[in-house]
């Protein structure tokens, strides 16, 4: 998922914003969905995207904070999920040199 957002510790980052890439993985029992072909028997990707989009729109100093909020909301929406992982990358972070991205990865048990 790609977003333009205003995360960072520097004032300029909150004003100017930056591009972010979010990767999300979840592990859950999919046997019922493989038999029923019914959306209610699996993870609804639209709900996951909406959670990520809403939380990416809330400015934070740290990517860890954004990731933690997303995972907590995901856990509330899908309590049966066994495992989830999120990675958030800030593209071209303002670090005073050429850097492709800064990235954090959190798992559900981290929050």
C-alpha atoms as a PDB file:
ATOM      1  CA  UNK A   1       0.000   0.000   0.000  1.00  0.00           C
ATOM      2  CA  UNK A   2       1.297   3.473  -0.800  1.00  0.00           C
ATOM      3  CA  UNK A   3       0.408   6.638   1.071  1.00  0.00           C
ATOM      4  CA  UNK A   4       1.425  10.267   1.354  1.00  0.00           C
ATOM      5  CA  UNK A   5       1.519  11.191   5.041  1.00  0.00           C
ATOM      6  CA  UNK A   6       3.094  13.512   7.609  1.00  0.00           C
ATOM      7  CA  UNK A   7       5.082  11.310   9.994  1.00  0.00           C
ATOM      8  CA  UNK A   8       8.434  12.244  11.483  1.00  0.00           C
ATOM      9  CA  UNK A   9      10.197  13.933  14.365  1.00  0.00           C
ATOM     10  CA  UNK A  10      11.245  16.994  12.366  1.00  0.00           C
ATOM     11  CA  UNK A  11       8.857  19.916  11.918  1.00  0.00           C
ATOM     12  CA  UNK A  12       9.533  19.944   8.172  1.00  0.00           C
ATOM     13  CA  UNK A  13       8.381  16.326   7.844  1.00  0.00           C
ATOM     14  CA  UNK A  14       5.063  17.159   9.461  1.00  0.00           C
ATOM     15  CA  UNK A  15       4.575  20.162   7.169  1.00  0.00           C
ATOM     16  CA  UNK A  16       5.928  18.861   3.847  1.00  0.00           C
ATOM     17  CA  UNK A  17       5.022  15.163   4.232  1.00  0.00           C
ATOM     18  CA  UNK A  18       6.533  12.167   2.507  1.00  0.00           C
ATOM     19  CA  UNK A  19       5.702   8.970   0.654  1.00  0.00           C
ATOM     20  CA  UNK A  20       5.326   5.708   2.582  1.00  0.00           C
ATOM     21  CA  UNK A  21       4.984   2.059   1.616  1.00  0.00           C
ATOM     22  CA  UNK A  22       3.119  -0.263   3.978  1.00  0.00           C
ATOM     23  CA  UNK A  23       3.360  -4.053   3.755  1.00  0.00           C
ATOM     24  CA  UNK A  24       0.894  -6.065   5.813  1.00  0.00           C
ATOM     25  CA  UNK A  25       0.804  -9.821   6.375  1.00  0.00           C
ATOM     26  CA  UNK A  26      -1.628 -11.888   8.410  1.00  0.00           C
ATOM     27  CA  UNK A  27      -1.830 -15.582   9.222  1.00  0.00           C
ATOM     28  CA  UNK A  28      -5.205 -17.117   9.952  1.00  0.00           C
ATOM     29  CA  UNK A  29      -7.150 -20.319   9.422  1.00  0.00           C
ATOM     30  CA  UNK A  30      -8.538 -20.157   5.875  1.00  0.00           C
ATOM     31  CA  UNK A  31     -10.150 -23.591   5.708  1.00  0.00           C
ATOM     32  CA  UNK A  32     -13.713 -22.281   5.947  1.00  0.00           C
ATOM     33  CA  UNK A  33     -13.149 -19.730   3.167  1.00  0.00           C
ATOM     34  CA  UNK A  34     -11.497 -22.321   0.936  1.00  0.00           C
ATOM     35  CA  UNK A  35     -14.705 -24.362   1.143  1.00  0.00           C
ATOM     36  CA  UNK A  36     -17.379 -21.645   1.210  1.00  0.00           C
ATOM     37  CA  UNK A  37     -15.961 -18.980  -1.121  1.00  0.00           C
ATOM     38  CA  UNK A  38     -17.605 -16.475   1.275  1.00  0.00           C
ATOM     39  CA  UNK A  39     -15.953 -13.212   2.301  1.00  0.00           C
ATOM     40  CA  UNK A  40     -17.295 -13.464   5.849  1.00  0.00           C
ATOM     41  CA  UNK A  41     -15.191 -16.636   6.322  1.00  0.00           C
ATOM     42  CA  UNK A  42     -11.869 -14.864   5.804  1.00  0.00           C
ATOM     43  CA  UNK A  43     -10.052 -11.557   6.233  1.00  0.00           C
ATOM     44  CA  UNK A  44     -11.695  -8.706   4.398  1.00  0.00           C
ATOM     45  CA  UNK A  45      -8.855  -6.856   2.637  1.00  0.00           C
ATOM     46  CA  UNK A  46     -10.986  -3.729   2.316  1.00  0.00           C
ATOM     47  CA  UNK A  47     -11.296  -3.483   6.105  1.00  0.00           C
ATOM     48  CA  UNK A  48      -7.539  -3.957   6.489  1.00  0.00           C
ATOM     49  CA  UNK A  49      -6.830  -1.267   3.890  1.00  0.00           C
ATOM     50  CA  UNK A  50      -9.278   1.134   5.552  1.00  0.00           C
ATOM     51  CA  UNK A  51      -7.620   0.635   8.959  1.00  0.00           C
ATOM     52  CA  UNK A  52      -4.170   1.278   7.504  1.00  0.00           C
ATOM     53  CA  UNK A  53      -5.356   4.316   5.529  1.00  0.00           C
ATOM     54  CA  UNK A  54      -7.071   5.881   8.557  1.00  0.00           C
ATOM     55  CA  UNK A  55      -4.055   5.396  10.821  1.00  0.00           C
ATOM     56  CA  UNK A  56      -1.579   6.606   8.194  1.00  0.00           C
ATOM     57  CA  UNK A  57      -3.582   9.856   8.074  1.00  0.00           C
ATOM     58  CA  UNK A  58      -2.879  10.525  11.779  1.00  0.00           C
ATOM     59  CA  UNK A  59       0.475  12.317  12.097  1.00  0.00           C
ATOM     60  CA  UNK A  60       2.987  10.666  14.431  1.00  0.00           C
ATOM     61  CA  UNK A  61       6.614  11.191  15.354  1.00  0.00           C
ATOM     62  CA  UNK A  62       7.535   7.514  15.036  1.00  0.00           C
ATOM     63  CA  UNK A  63       6.697   4.830  12.491  1.00  0.00           C
ATOM     64  CA  UNK A  64       6.667   2.388  15.408  1.00  0.00           C
ATOM     65  CA  UNK A  65       3.733   4.307  16.873  1.00  0.00           C
ATOM     66  CA  UNK A  66       1.813   4.202  13.597  1.00  0.00           C
ATOM     67  CA  UNK A  67       2.478   0.471  13.217  1.00  0.00           C
ATOM     68  CA  UNK A  68       1.382  -0.217  16.786  1.00  0.00           C
ATOM     69  CA  UNK A  69      -1.896   1.630  16.284  1.00  0.00           C
ATOM     70  CA  UNK A  70      -2.591  -0.303  13.087  1.00  0.00           C
ATOM     71  CA  UNK A  71      -1.884  -3.680  14.704  1.00  0.00           C
ATOM     72  CA  UNK A  72      -4.059  -2.911  17.737  1.00  0.00           C
ATOM     73  CA  UNK A  73      -6.987  -1.941  15.494  1.00  0.00           C
ATOM     74  CA  UNK A  74      -6.407  -5.015  13.346  1.00  0.00           C
ATOM     75  CA  UNK A  75      -6.468  -7.250  16.441  1.00  0.00           C
ATOM     76  CA  UNK A  76      -9.766  -5.661  17.528  1.00  0.00           C
ATOM     77  CA  UNK A  77     -11.299  -6.176  14.070  1.00  0.00           C
ATOM     78  CA  UNK A  78     -10.007  -9.743  13.610  1.00  0.00           C
ATOM     79  CA  UNK A  79      -9.491 -11.337  17.053  1.00  0.00           C
ATOM     80  CA  UNK A  80      -9.116 -14.855  15.614  1.00  0.00           C
ATOM     81  CA  UNK A  81      -5.976 -13.972  13.643  1.00  0.00           C
ATOM     82  CA  UNK A  82      -2.995 -16.024  14.752  1.00  0.00           C
ATOM     83  CA  UNK A  83      -0.229 -13.698  13.600  1.00  0.00           C
ATOM     84  CA  UNK A  84       0.210 -10.364  11.817  1.00  0.00           C
ATOM     85  CA  UNK A  85       3.187  -8.303  10.689  1.00  0.00           C
ATOM     86  CA  UNK A  86       3.414  -4.763   9.392  1.00  0.00           C
ATOM     87  CA  UNK A  87       6.341  -2.964   7.781  1.00  0.00           C
ATOM     88  CA  UNK A  88       6.236   0.773   7.168  1.00  0.00           C
ATOM     89  CA  UNK A  89       8.890   2.383   4.983  1.00  0.00           C
ATOM     90  CA  UNK A  90       9.437   6.131   4.659  1.00  0.00           C
ATOM     91  CA  UNK A  91      10.818   6.768   1.188  1.00  0.00           C
ATOM     92  CA  UNK A  92      13.772   9.148   0.841  1.00  0.00           C
ATOM     93  CA  UNK A  93      13.907  10.154   4.518  1.00  0.00           C
ATOM     94  CA  UNK A  94      15.601  13.507   5.264  1.00  0.00           C
ATOM     95  CA  UNK A  95      18.799  12.153   6.796  1.00  0.00           C
ATOM     96  CA  UNK A  96      21.338  14.415   5.112  1.00  0.00           C
ATOM     97  CA  UNK A  97      22.371  11.923   2.434  1.00  0.00           C
ATOM     98  CA  UNK A  98      21.014   9.578  -0.186  1.00  0.00           C
ATOM     99  CA  UNK A  99      18.839   7.006   1.599  1.00  0.00           C
ATOM    100  CA  UNK A 100      16.233   4.957  -0.253  1.00  0.00           C
ATOM    101  CA  UNK A 101      14.012   4.331   2.764  1.00  0.00           C
ATOM    102  CA  UNK A 102      13.880   3.970   6.507  1.00  0.00           C
ATOM    103  CA  UNK A 103      11.716   1.063   7.612  1.00  0.00           C
ATOM    104  CA  UNK A 104      10.268  -0.494  10.749  1.00  0.00           C
ATOM    105  CA  UNK A 105       8.632  -3.907  11.129  1.00  0.00           C
ATOM    106  CA  UNK A 106       6.355  -4.916  13.990  1.00  0.00           C
ATOM    107  CA  UNK A 107       4.478  -8.101  14.779  1.00  0.00           C
ATOM    108  CA  UNK A 108       1.217  -8.490  16.646  1.00  0.00           C
ATOM    109  CA  UNK A 109       2.944  -9.745  19.790  1.00  0.00           C
ATOM    110  CA  UNK A 110       5.034  -6.512  19.866  1.00  0.00           C
ATOM    111  CA  UNK A 111       1.982  -4.396  20.717  1.00  0.00           C
END
